[in-house]
Amino acid sequence: MKILVQAEDFDLAQVLKGFGKAPNTGATVSFTGLVRDDSGTLEYMEIEHYPGMCEAAIGKIAEEARTRWALTDCLVIHRYGKLRPGDQIMMVATAARHRVEAFEAAEFLMDYLKSRAPFWKKEVTREGAEWVAAKDADEEALKRW
């Protein structure tokens, strides 16, 4: 299990090289989130976090996924700082004996990262800046777990 909270971008091919190579792994799943510009006016998103606390919170979520789905490997990368539309913002990768477990664990992690990971996001547009509020749909997604 590996948790990385970093300002630097990441290379998907390099990050996934060697991931999920345990002999009993039958499936790996990866998801990469990108900064999205829904309004067409987003200049950049500023993401803040509290070092140490953030990694611990994500680690706790990842450990729960690891035990619930008997993962053979788990990786979470989340970036902070100034990110522009199209930039990679996060990545989740899971490995398990079977694909269903790998997919479900990845979805679980993504849902919890979206709504529970301690990041603060501010969108800066041509019109000004605004902190991103929690979305009802993100909270609703947690109910299935």
N, C-alpha and C. Protein backbone atom coordinates (compact mmCIF):
# COMPACT_ATOMS: atom_id res chain seq x y z
N MET A 1 0.86 -1.17 0.00
CA MET A 1 0.00 0.00 0.00
C MET A 1 0.90 1.23 0.00
N LYS A 2 0.57 2.17 -0.88
CA LYS A 2 1.37 3.38 -1.00
C LYS A 2 0.45 4.58 -1.13
N ILE A 3 0.70 5.61 -0.32
CA ILE A 3 -0.07 6.85 -0.35
C ILE A 3 0.89 7.98 -0.63
N LEU A 4 0.62 8.76 -1.67
CA LEU A 4 1.46 9.90 -2.01
C LEU A 4 0.61 11.14 -2.14
N VAL A 5 0.95 12.18 -1.40
CA VAL A 5 0.32 13.49 -1.53
C VAL A 5 1.43 14.42 -1.96
N GLN A 6 1.31 14.96 -3.16
CA GLN A 6 2.45 15.67 -3.75
C GLN A 6 2.00 16.80 -4.66
N ALA A 7 2.87 17.77 -4.85
CA ALA A 7 2.62 18.86 -5.78
C ALA A 7 2.96 18.45 -7.21
N GLU A 8 3.96 17.59 -7.35
CA GLU A 8 4.46 17.20 -8.66
C GLU A 8 3.47 16.33 -9.42
N ASP A 9 3.49 16.47 -10.74
CA ASP A 9 2.71 15.60 -11.60
C ASP A 9 3.31 14.19 -11.54
N PHE A 10 2.59 13.22 -12.06
CA PHE A 10 3.08 11.84 -12.05
C PHE A 10 2.92 11.24 -13.44
N ASP A 11 3.78 10.29 -13.73
CA ASP A 11 3.79 9.58 -15.00
C ASP A 11 3.08 8.25 -14.78
N LEU A 12 1.90 8.09 -15.39
CA LEU A 12 1.09 6.88 -15.18
C LEU A 12 1.86 5.60 -15.47
N ALA A 13 2.54 5.55 -16.58
CA ALA A 13 3.28 4.34 -16.95
C ALA A 13 4.34 4.01 -15.91
N GLN A 14 5.04 5.02 -15.45
CA GLN A 14 6.10 4.80 -14.45
C GLN A 14 5.51 4.37 -13.11
N VAL A 15 4.43 5.02 -12.71
CA VAL A 15 3.79 4.71 -11.43
C VAL A 15 3.26 3.28 -11.41
N LEU A 16 2.68 2.85 -12.52
CA LEU A 16 2.07 1.52 -12.57
C LEU A 16 3.07 0.40 -12.88
N LYS A 17 4.27 0.76 -13.26
CA LYS A 17 5.30 -0.24 -13.53
C LYS A 17 5.60 -0.99 -12.23
N GLY A 18 5.39 -2.27 -12.26
CA GLY A 18 5.63 -3.08 -11.07
C GLY A 18 4.46 -3.14 -10.10
N PHE A 19 3.38 -2.39 -10.37
CA PHE A 19 2.23 -2.41 -9.46
C PHE A 19 1.46 -3.72 -9.61
N GLY A 20 1.01 -4.27 -8.50
CA GLY A 20 0.15 -5.45 -8.51
C GLY A 20 0.81 -6.71 -9.00
N LYS A 21 2.07 -6.89 -8.71
CA LYS A 21 2.80 -8.06 -9.22
C LYS A 21 2.86 -9.23 -8.24
N ALA A 22 2.08 -9.18 -7.18
CA ALA A 22 2.03 -10.32 -6.26
C ALA A 22 1.53 -11.55 -7.03
N PRO A 23 2.05 -12.74 -6.72
CA PRO A 23 1.67 -13.95 -7.46
C PRO A 23 0.17 -14.25 -7.46
N ASN A 24 -0.55 -13.83 -6.42
CA ASN A 24 -1.98 -14.14 -6.35
C ASN A 24 -2.85 -13.02 -6.93
N THR A 25 -2.25 -12.04 -7.60
CA THR A 25 -3.02 -10.96 -8.22
C THR A 25 -3.56 -11.43 -9.56
N GLY A 26 -4.85 -11.24 -9.75
CA GLY A 26 -5.49 -11.60 -11.01
C GLY A 26 -6.03 -10.40 -11.76
N ALA A 27 -6.09 -9.23 -11.10
CA ALA A 27 -6.65 -8.04 -11.75
C ALA A 27 -6.08 -6.78 -11.13
N THR A 28 -5.85 -5.79 -11.98
CA THR A 28 -5.51 -4.46 -11.49
C THR A 28 -6.45 -3.46 -12.15
N VAL A 29 -6.78 -2.43 -11.41
CA VAL A 29 -7.66 -1.36 -11.90
C VAL A 29 -6.99 -0.05 -11.54
N SER A 30 -6.99 0.88 -12.48
CA SER A 30 -6.49 2.22 -12.16
C SER A 30 -7.45 3.27 -12.70
N PHE A 31 -7.50 4.36 -11.98
CA PHE A 31 -8.34 5.49 -12.34
C PHE A 31 -7.52 6.75 -12.14
N THR A 32 -7.60 7.65 -13.10
CA THR A 32 -6.92 8.93 -13.00
C THR A 32 -7.94 10.04 -13.14
N GLY A 33 -7.99 10.93 -12.16
CA GLY A 33 -8.88 12.08 -12.20
C GLY A 33 -8.15 13.29 -12.76
N LEU A 34 -8.85 14.07 -13.57
CA LEU A 34 -8.30 15.26 -14.18
C LEU A 34 -9.06 16.49 -13.71
N VAL A 35 -8.41 17.64 -13.70
CA VAL A 35 -9.09 18.89 -13.37
C VAL A 35 -10.05 19.19 -14.52
N ARG A 36 -11.29 19.39 -14.16
CA ARG A 36 -12.37 19.59 -15.13
C ARG A 36 -12.80 21.05 -15.11
N ASP A 37 -13.11 21.59 -16.27
CA ASP A 37 -13.58 22.96 -16.39
C ASP A 37 -15.04 22.94 -16.84
N ASP A 38 -15.96 22.79 -15.88
CA ASP A 38 -17.38 22.72 -16.21
C ASP A 38 -17.94 24.04 -16.74
N SER A 39 -17.41 25.16 -16.24
CA SER A 39 -17.96 26.47 -16.61
C SER A 39 -17.36 27.05 -17.88
N GLY A 40 -16.19 26.54 -18.27
CA GLY A 40 -15.49 27.11 -19.41
C GLY A 40 -14.70 28.35 -19.07
N THR A 41 -14.65 28.70 -17.77
CA THR A 41 -13.93 29.90 -17.33
C THR A 41 -12.85 29.61 -16.30
N LEU A 42 -12.61 28.34 -16.00
CA LEU A 42 -11.65 27.99 -14.96
C LEU A 42 -10.22 28.30 -15.41
N GLU A 43 -9.56 29.13 -14.64
CA GLU A 43 -8.15 29.43 -14.89
C GLU A 43 -7.29 28.34 -14.26
N TYR A 44 -7.58 28.06 -12.97
CA TYR A 44 -6.88 27.01 -12.25
C TYR A 44 -7.63 26.67 -10.97
N MET A 45 -7.26 25.55 -10.38
CA MET A 45 -7.79 25.13 -9.09
C MET A 45 -6.62 25.11 -8.11
N GLU A 46 -6.83 25.67 -6.95
CA GLU A 46 -5.81 25.66 -5.89
C GLU A 46 -6.26 24.64 -4.84
N ILE A 47 -5.42 23.64 -4.60
CA ILE A 47 -5.76 22.59 -3.64
C ILE A 47 -4.81 22.70 -2.46
N GLU A 48 -5.40 22.78 -1.27
CA GLU A 48 -4.62 22.86 -0.04
C GLU A 48 -4.88 21.61 0.80
N HIS A 49 -3.92 21.29 1.66
CA HIS A 49 -4.07 20.16 2.57
C HIS A 49 -3.23 20.42 3.81
N TYR A 50 -3.45 19.62 4.83
CA TYR A 50 -2.67 19.69 6.05
C TYR A 50 -1.74 18.49 6.04
N PRO A 51 -0.42 18.72 5.78
CA PRO A 51 0.52 17.60 5.69
C PRO A 51 0.51 16.72 6.94
N GLY A 52 0.63 15.45 6.73
CA GLY A 52 0.61 14.48 7.82
C GLY A 52 -0.81 14.01 8.10
N MET A 53 -1.70 14.93 8.40
CA MET A 53 -3.09 14.57 8.67
C MET A 53 -3.75 14.01 7.40
N CYS A 54 -3.45 14.63 6.29
CA CYS A 54 -4.04 14.21 5.02
C CYS A 54 -3.61 12.79 4.65
N GLU A 55 -2.32 12.52 4.72
CA GLU A 55 -1.81 11.19 4.39
C GLU A 55 -2.38 10.13 5.34
N ALA A 56 -2.49 10.48 6.62
CA ALA A 56 -3.05 9.54 7.60
C ALA A 56 -4.51 9.22 7.30
N ALA A 57 -5.28 10.24 6.94
CA ALA A 57 -6.70 10.03 6.63
C ALA A 57 -6.86 9.16 5.38
N ILE A 58 -6.07 9.43 4.35
CA ILE A 58 -6.15 8.62 3.13
C ILE A 58 -5.66 7.19 3.43
N GLY A 59 -4.62 7.07 4.24
CA GLY A 59 -4.12 5.75 4.61
C GLY A 59 -5.17 4.91 5.33
N LYS A 60 -5.95 5.55 6.18
CA LYS A 60 -7.01 4.84 6.90
C LYS A 60 -8.08 4.33 5.93
N ILE A 61 -8.45 5.16 4.97
CA ILE A 61 -9.43 4.76 3.95
C ILE A 61 -8.87 3.61 3.10
N ALA A 62 -7.61 3.74 2.70
CA ALA A 62 -6.97 2.71 1.88
C ALA A 62 -6.85 1.39 2.65
N GLU A 63 -6.55 1.46 3.92
CA GLU A 63 -6.45 0.24 4.74
C GLU A 63 -7.80 -0.44 4.84
N GLU A 64 -8.87 0.34 4.97
CA GLU A 64 -10.21 -0.26 4.99
C GLU A 64 -10.50 -0.97 3.67
N ALA A 65 -10.15 -0.33 2.56
CA ALA A 65 -10.36 -0.97 1.25
C ALA A 65 -9.53 -2.24 1.14
N ARG A 66 -8.28 -2.18 1.62
CA ARG A 66 -7.39 -3.34 1.53
C ARG A 66 -7.97 -4.54 2.27
N THR A 67 -8.55 -4.32 3.42
CA THR A 67 -9.10 -5.44 4.19
C THR A 67 -10.48 -5.87 3.69
N ARG A 68 -11.33 -4.93 3.28
CA ARG A 68 -12.67 -5.28 2.80
C ARG A 68 -12.63 -6.12 1.53
N TRP A 69 -11.66 -5.85 0.65
CA TRP A 69 -11.61 -6.55 -0.63
C TRP A 69 -10.36 -7.41 -0.78
N ALA A 70 -9.64 -7.66 0.28
CA ALA A 70 -8.43 -8.49 0.26
C ALA A 70 -7.49 -8.09 -0.87
N LEU A 71 -7.21 -6.80 -0.94
CA LEU A 71 -6.35 -6.30 -2.01
C LEU A 71 -4.93 -6.83 -1.84
N THR A 72 -4.30 -7.10 -2.97
CA THR A 72 -2.89 -7.49 -2.94
C THR A 72 -1.98 -6.28 -3.07
N ASP A 73 -2.54 -5.15 -3.53
CA ASP A 73 -1.78 -3.90 -3.63
C ASP A 73 -2.77 -2.75 -3.74
N CYS A 74 -2.33 -1.57 -3.32
CA CYS A 74 -3.17 -0.39 -3.35
C CYS A 74 -2.26 0.83 -3.46
N LEU A 75 -2.65 1.78 -4.30
CA LEU A 75 -1.88 2.99 -4.50
C LEU A 75 -2.84 4.17 -4.63
N VAL A 76 -2.55 5.24 -3.90
CA VAL A 76 -3.32 6.48 -4.01
C VAL A 76 -2.33 7.62 -4.16
N ILE A 77 -2.53 8.41 -5.20
CA ILE A 77 -1.76 9.64 -5.39
C ILE A 77 -2.76 10.78 -5.47
N HIS A 78 -2.51 11.85 -4.72
CA HIS A 78 -3.35 13.04 -4.80
C HIS A 78 -2.44 14.25 -4.81
N ARG A 79 -2.69 15.13 -5.74
CA ARG A 79 -1.85 16.32 -5.87
C ARG A 79 -2.45 17.51 -5.13
N TYR A 80 -1.60 18.47 -4.83
CA TYR A 80 -2.03 19.74 -4.24
C TYR A 80 -1.29 20.86 -4.97
N GLY A 81 -1.70 22.08 -4.69
CA GLY A 81 -1.10 23.24 -5.34
C GLY A 81 -1.98 23.76 -6.45
N LYS A 82 -1.39 24.49 -7.38
CA LYS A 82 -2.12 25.11 -8.48
C LYS A 82 -2.18 24.13 -9.66
N LEU A 83 -3.40 23.73 -10.02
CA LEU A 83 -3.62 22.79 -11.11
C LEU A 83 -4.56 23.41 -12.14
N ARG A 84 -4.22 23.24 -13.38
CA ARG A 84 -5.00 23.82 -14.48
C ARG A 84 -5.91 22.77 -15.12
N PRO A 85 -6.94 23.21 -15.85
CA PRO A 85 -7.81 22.24 -16.52
C PRO A 85 -7.01 21.24 -17.36
N GLY A 86 -7.36 19.97 -17.21
CA GLY A 86 -6.68 18.90 -17.92
C GLY A 86 -5.53 18.28 -17.14
N ASP A 87 -5.06 18.95 -16.08
CA ASP A 87 -3.98 18.39 -15.26
C ASP A 87 -4.48 17.17 -14.49
N GLN A 88 -3.59 16.23 -14.26
CA GLN A 88 -3.91 15.08 -13.40
C GLN A 88 -4.00 15.59 -11.96
N ILE A 89 -5.09 15.20 -11.29
CA ILE A 89 -5.28 15.64 -9.91
C ILE A 89 -5.12 14.48 -8.93
N MET A 90 -5.49 13.28 -9.36
CA MET A 90 -5.38 12.13 -8.46
C MET A 90 -5.36 10.83 -9.24
N MET A 91 -4.95 9.79 -8.54
CA MET A 91 -4.93 8.46 -9.14
C MET A 91 -5.18 7.43 -8.05
N VAL A 92 -5.95 6.42 -8.38
CA VAL A 92 -6.19 5.28 -7.51
C VAL A 92 -5.87 4.04 -8.32
N ALA A 93 -5.13 3.13 -7.72
CA ALA A 93 -4.89 1.83 -8.36
C ALA A 93 -5.10 0.75 -7.31
N THR A 94 -5.77 -0.31 -7.71
CA THR A 94 -6.01 -1.44 -6.81
C THR A 94 -5.65 -2.73 -7.53
N ALA A 95 -5.23 -3.70 -6.75
CA ALA A 95 -4.92 -5.03 -7.27
C ALA A 95 -5.55 -6.06 -6.35
N ALA A 96 -6.14 -7.08 -6.94
CA ALA A 96 -6.82 -8.12 -6.16
C ALA A 96 -6.79 -9.43 -6.95
N ARG A 97 -7.25 -10.49 -6.30
CA ARG A 97 -7.31 -11.80 -6.96
C ARG A 97 -8.27 -11.78 -8.14
N HIS A 98 -9.38 -11.02 -7.99
CA HIS A 98 -10.44 -11.01 -9.01
C HIS A 98 -10.80 -9.57 -9.38
N ARG A 99 -11.29 -9.38 -10.60
CA ARG A 99 -11.59 -8.04 -11.10
C ARG A 99 -12.69 -7.33 -10.32
N VAL A 100 -13.71 -8.05 -9.86
CA VAL A 100 -14.80 -7.41 -9.14
C VAL A 100 -14.27 -6.71 -7.89
N GLU A 101 -13.41 -7.40 -7.15
CA GLU A 101 -12.84 -6.80 -5.94
C GLU A 101 -11.99 -5.59 -6.28
N ALA A 102 -11.19 -5.68 -7.34
CA ALA A 102 -10.34 -4.55 -7.73
C ALA A 102 -11.18 -3.34 -8.15
N PHE A 103 -12.24 -3.57 -8.94
CA PHE A 103 -13.11 -2.47 -9.36
C PHE A 103 -13.85 -1.86 -8.17
N GLU A 104 -14.45 -2.70 -7.32
CA GLU A 104 -15.20 -2.18 -6.18
C GLU A 104 -14.31 -1.40 -5.23
N ALA A 105 -13.13 -1.91 -4.95
CA ALA A 105 -12.21 -1.21 -4.05
C ALA A 105 -11.80 0.14 -4.64
N ALA A 106 -11.55 0.18 -5.94
CA ALA A 106 -11.18 1.44 -6.59
C ALA A 106 -12.33 2.45 -6.49
N GLU A 107 -13.56 2.00 -6.74
CA GLU A 107 -14.71 2.90 -6.64
C GLU A 107 -14.91 3.40 -5.21
N PHE A 108 -14.75 2.51 -4.25
CA PHE A 108 -14.84 2.87 -2.84
C PHE A 108 -13.83 3.98 -2.52
N LEU A 109 -12.59 3.77 -2.92
CA LEU A 109 -11.55 4.76 -2.66
C LEU A 109 -11.86 6.10 -3.34
N MET A 110 -12.30 6.06 -4.57
CA MET A 110 -12.61 7.29 -5.29
C MET A 110 -13.76 8.04 -4.61
N ASP A 111 -14.80 7.32 -4.21
CA ASP A 111 -15.93 7.96 -3.53
C ASP A 111 -15.50 8.61 -2.22
N TYR A 112 -14.68 7.92 -1.45
CA TYR A 112 -14.25 8.47 -0.17
C TYR A 112 -13.24 9.60 -0.35
N LEU A 113 -12.37 9.51 -1.34
CA LEU A 113 -11.43 10.60 -1.60
C LEU A 113 -12.18 11.87 -2.01
N LYS A 114 -13.21 11.70 -2.80
CA LYS A 114 -13.99 12.85 -3.30
C LYS A 114 -14.69 13.60 -2.17
N SER A 115 -15.13 12.89 -1.16
CA SER A 115 -15.96 13.54 -0.14
C SER A 115 -15.34 13.59 1.26
N ARG A 116 -14.36 12.76 1.56
CA ARG A 116 -13.85 12.69 2.93
C ARG A 116 -12.37 13.02 3.10
N ALA A 117 -11.60 12.98 2.04
CA ALA A 117 -10.18 13.30 2.18
C ALA A 117 -10.04 14.78 2.52
N PRO A 118 -9.16 15.11 3.46
CA PRO A 118 -9.05 16.51 3.92
C PRO A 118 -8.25 17.40 2.96
N PHE A 119 -8.92 17.75 1.87
CA PHE A 119 -8.38 18.72 0.91
C PHE A 119 -9.35 19.88 0.83
N TRP A 120 -8.83 21.07 0.60
CA TRP A 120 -9.65 22.25 0.39
C TRP A 120 -9.35 22.75 -1.00
N LYS A 121 -10.41 22.92 -1.79
CA LYS A 121 -10.24 23.27 -3.20
C LYS A 121 -10.89 24.62 -3.48
N LYS A 122 -10.12 25.46 -4.14
CA LYS A 122 -10.61 26.77 -4.54
C LYS A 122 -10.50 26.87 -6.06
N GLU A 123 -11.61 27.22 -6.70
CA GLU A 123 -11.61 27.41 -8.15
C GLU A 123 -11.40 28.88 -8.45
N VAL A 124 -10.44 29.17 -9.30
CA VAL A 124 -10.15 30.54 -9.71
C VAL A 124 -10.55 30.68 -11.18
N THR A 125 -11.53 31.54 -11.42
CA THR A 125 -12.03 31.77 -12.76
C THR A 125 -11.76 33.22 -13.15
N ARG A 126 -12.13 33.58 -14.36
CA ARG A 126 -11.97 34.96 -14.82
C ARG A 126 -12.83 35.91 -13.99
N GLU A 127 -13.89 35.36 -13.38
CA GLU A 127 -14.80 36.19 -12.58
C GLU A 127 -14.37 36.33 -11.12
N GLY A 128 -13.43 35.51 -10.67
CA GLY A 128 -13.00 35.56 -9.27
C GLY A 128 -12.69 34.17 -8.74
N ALA A 129 -12.62 34.07 -7.42
CA ALA A 129 -12.27 32.80 -6.77
C ALA A 129 -13.39 32.37 -5.83
N GLU A 130 -13.57 31.03 -5.74
CA GLU A 130 -14.62 30.49 -4.86
C GLU A 130 -14.19 29.12 -4.35
N TRP A 131 -14.37 28.90 -3.05
CA TRP A 131 -14.08 27.59 -2.47
C TRP A 131 -15.14 26.60 -2.94
N VAL A 132 -14.71 25.39 -3.24
CA VAL A 132 -15.61 24.35 -3.74
C VAL A 132 -16.33 23.72 -2.55
N ALA A 133 -17.66 23.73 -2.61
CA ALA A 133 -18.48 23.14 -1.54
C ALA A 133 -18.73 21.66 -1.84
N ALA A 134 -19.03 20.91 -0.79
CA ALA A 134 -19.37 19.49 -0.94
C ALA A 134 -20.63 19.38 -1.81
N LYS A 135 -20.67 18.33 -2.62
CA LYS A 135 -21.81 18.12 -3.51
C LYS A 135 -22.69 17.00 -2.95
N ASP A 136 -24.00 17.18 -3.07
CA ASP A 136 -24.95 16.18 -2.60
C ASP A 136 -24.71 14.83 -3.28
N ALA A 137 -24.38 14.84 -4.56
CA ALA A 137 -24.15 13.59 -5.31
C ALA A 137 -22.97 12.82 -4.73
N ASP A 138 -21.94 13.53 -4.28
CA ASP A 138 -20.78 12.86 -3.68
C ASP A 138 -21.16 12.20 -2.36
N GLU A 139 -21.95 12.89 -1.57
CA GLU A 139 -22.42 12.33 -0.30
C GLU A 139 -23.33 11.13 -0.55
N GLU A 140 -24.17 11.22 -1.55
CA GLU A 140 -25.08 10.14 -1.90
C GLU A 140 -24.31 8.89 -2.32
N ALA A 141 -23.20 9.09 -3.03
CA ALA A 141 -22.40 7.96 -3.51
C ALA A 141 -21.85 7.12 -2.36
N LEU A 142 -21.61 7.75 -1.22
CA LEU A 142 -21.06 7.02 -0.06
C LEU A 142 -22.05 6.02 0.54
N LYS A 143 -23.32 6.22 0.31
CA LYS A 143 -24.34 5.35 0.93
C LYS A 143 -24.25 3.91 0.48
N ARG A 144 -23.71 3.67 -0.68
CA ARG A 144 -23.63 2.28 -1.15
C ARG A 144 -22.56 1.48 -0.44
N TRP A 145 -21.67 2.14 0.28
CA TRP A 145 -20.59 1.43 0.97
C TRP A 145 -20.96 1.23 2.43
